Structure formats: C-alpha cells, structure tokens
Amino acid sequence: MHSIKPLPEFTRWLDALPDPIVRGVVVARIKRSQASDIKRAKALAQLLD
C-alpha cells in the first residue's frame, strides 16, 4: 500500500468544491487508490489534470 499526501493547493481546491457529493466522490477515490496499485493512482492523476 502506498500513501498519498495532499498538497495545500489540492486541499484548497477540494475545500472550495461547492458540491459535497462531488467532494465525497473525490475523497473516496483517493482513499481507494491508497489501497490499490500504482497504475490506478496514475489514472487518478490524469483525471485531475
């Protein structure tokens, strides 16, 4: 398992999301990626670009 450390810019972006459901989906995806392989983490990074 790998660990993901949020950057301050990401935390500000996440906190600024107006929709709590979307925020929950993003957080859930990040938590799942921590328990997953690196390939899935790279897919998440591409989604957030």
C-alpha atoms as a PDB file:
ATOM      1  CA  MET A   1       0.000   0.000   0.000  1.00  0.00           C
ATOM      2  CA  HIS A   2       1.227   3.493  -0.764  1.00  0.00           C
ATOM      3  CA  SER A   3       0.351   6.752   0.895  1.00  0.00           C
ATOM      4  CA  ILE A   4      -0.890   9.949  -0.703  1.00  0.00           C
ATOM      5  CA  LYS A   5      -0.017  13.262   0.931  1.00  0.00           C
ATOM      6  CA  PRO A   6      -2.314  16.093  -0.170  1.00  0.00           C
ATOM      7  CA  LEU A   7      -0.665  19.298  -1.274  1.00  0.00           C
ATOM      8  CA  PRO A   8      -2.005  22.578   0.159  1.00  0.00           C
ATOM      9  CA  GLU A   9      -3.217  23.623  -3.310  1.00  0.00           C
ATOM     10  CA  PHE A  10      -5.210  20.415  -3.654  1.00  0.00           C
ATOM     11  CA  THR A  11      -6.704  20.796  -0.184  1.00  0.00           C
ATOM     12  CA  ARG A  12      -7.814  24.349  -1.015  1.00  0.00           C
ATOM     13  CA  TRP A  13      -9.311  23.149  -4.311  1.00  0.00           C
ATOM     14  CA  LEU A  14     -11.128  20.286  -2.593  1.00  0.00           C
ATOM     15  CA  ASP A  15     -12.441  22.538   0.178  1.00  0.00           C
ATOM     16  CA  ALA A  16     -13.686  25.025  -2.428  1.00  0.00           C
ATOM     17  CA  LEU A  17     -15.806  22.467  -4.280  1.00  0.00           C
ATOM     18  CA  PRO A  18     -19.403  23.626  -3.859  1.00  0.00           C
ATOM     19  CA  ASP A  19     -20.952  20.160  -4.136  1.00  0.00           C
ATOM     20  CA  PRO A  20     -20.369  17.936  -1.085  1.00  0.00           C
ATOM     21  CA  ILE A  21     -21.272  14.833  -3.107  1.00  0.00           C
ATOM     22  CA  VAL A  22     -18.519  15.519  -5.634  1.00  0.00           C
ATOM     23  CA  ARG A  23     -16.093  16.230  -2.800  1.00  0.00           C
ATOM     24  CA  GLY A  24     -17.019  12.876  -1.238  1.00  0.00           C
ATOM     25  CA  VAL A  25     -16.508  11.056  -4.539  1.00  0.00           C
ATOM     26  CA  VAL A  26     -13.033  12.583  -4.936  1.00  0.00           C
ATOM     27  CA  VAL A  27     -12.051  11.724  -1.357  1.00  0.00           C
ATOM     28  CA  ALA A  28     -13.390   8.174  -1.718  1.00  0.00           C
ATOM     29  CA  ARG A  29     -11.443   7.697  -4.940  1.00  0.00           C
ATOM     30  CA  ILE A  30      -8.234   8.859  -3.288  1.00  0.00           C
ATOM     31  CA  LYS A  31      -8.765   6.508  -0.350  1.00  0.00           C
ATOM     32  CA  ARG A  32      -9.357   3.609  -2.733  1.00  0.00           C
ATOM     33  CA  SER A  33      -6.230   4.476  -4.669  1.00  0.00           C
ATOM     34  CA  GLN A  34      -4.157   4.291  -1.489  1.00  0.00           C
ATOM     35  CA  ALA A  35      -5.085   0.637  -1.176  1.00  0.00           C
ATOM     36  CA  SER A  36      -4.690  -0.035  -4.879  1.00  0.00           C
ATOM     37  CA  ASP A  37      -1.768  -0.379  -7.227  1.00  0.00           C
ATOM     38  CA  ILE A  38       0.235   2.494  -8.695  1.00  0.00           C
ATOM     39  CA  LYS A  39      -1.464   2.132 -12.077  1.00  0.00           C
ATOM     40  CA  ARG A  40      -4.770   3.266 -10.596  1.00  0.00           C
ATOM     41  CA  ALA A  41      -3.099   6.182  -8.838  1.00  0.00           C
ATOM     42  CA  LYS A  42      -1.704   7.308 -12.190  1.00  0.00           C
ATOM     43  CA  ALA A  43      -5.206   7.129 -13.686  1.00  0.00           C
ATOM     44  CA  LEU A  44      -6.463   9.388 -10.895  1.00  0.00           C
ATOM     45  CA  ALA A  45      -3.662  11.854 -11.537  1.00  0.00           C
ATOM     46  CA  GLN A  46      -4.682  12.018 -15.207  1.00  0.00           C
ATOM     47  CA  LEU A  47      -8.295  12.693 -14.220  1.00  0.00           C
ATOM     48  CA  LEU A  48      -7.261  15.588 -12.007  1.00  0.00           C
ATOM     49  CA  ASP A  49      -5.062  17.235 -14.656  1.00  0.00           C
END
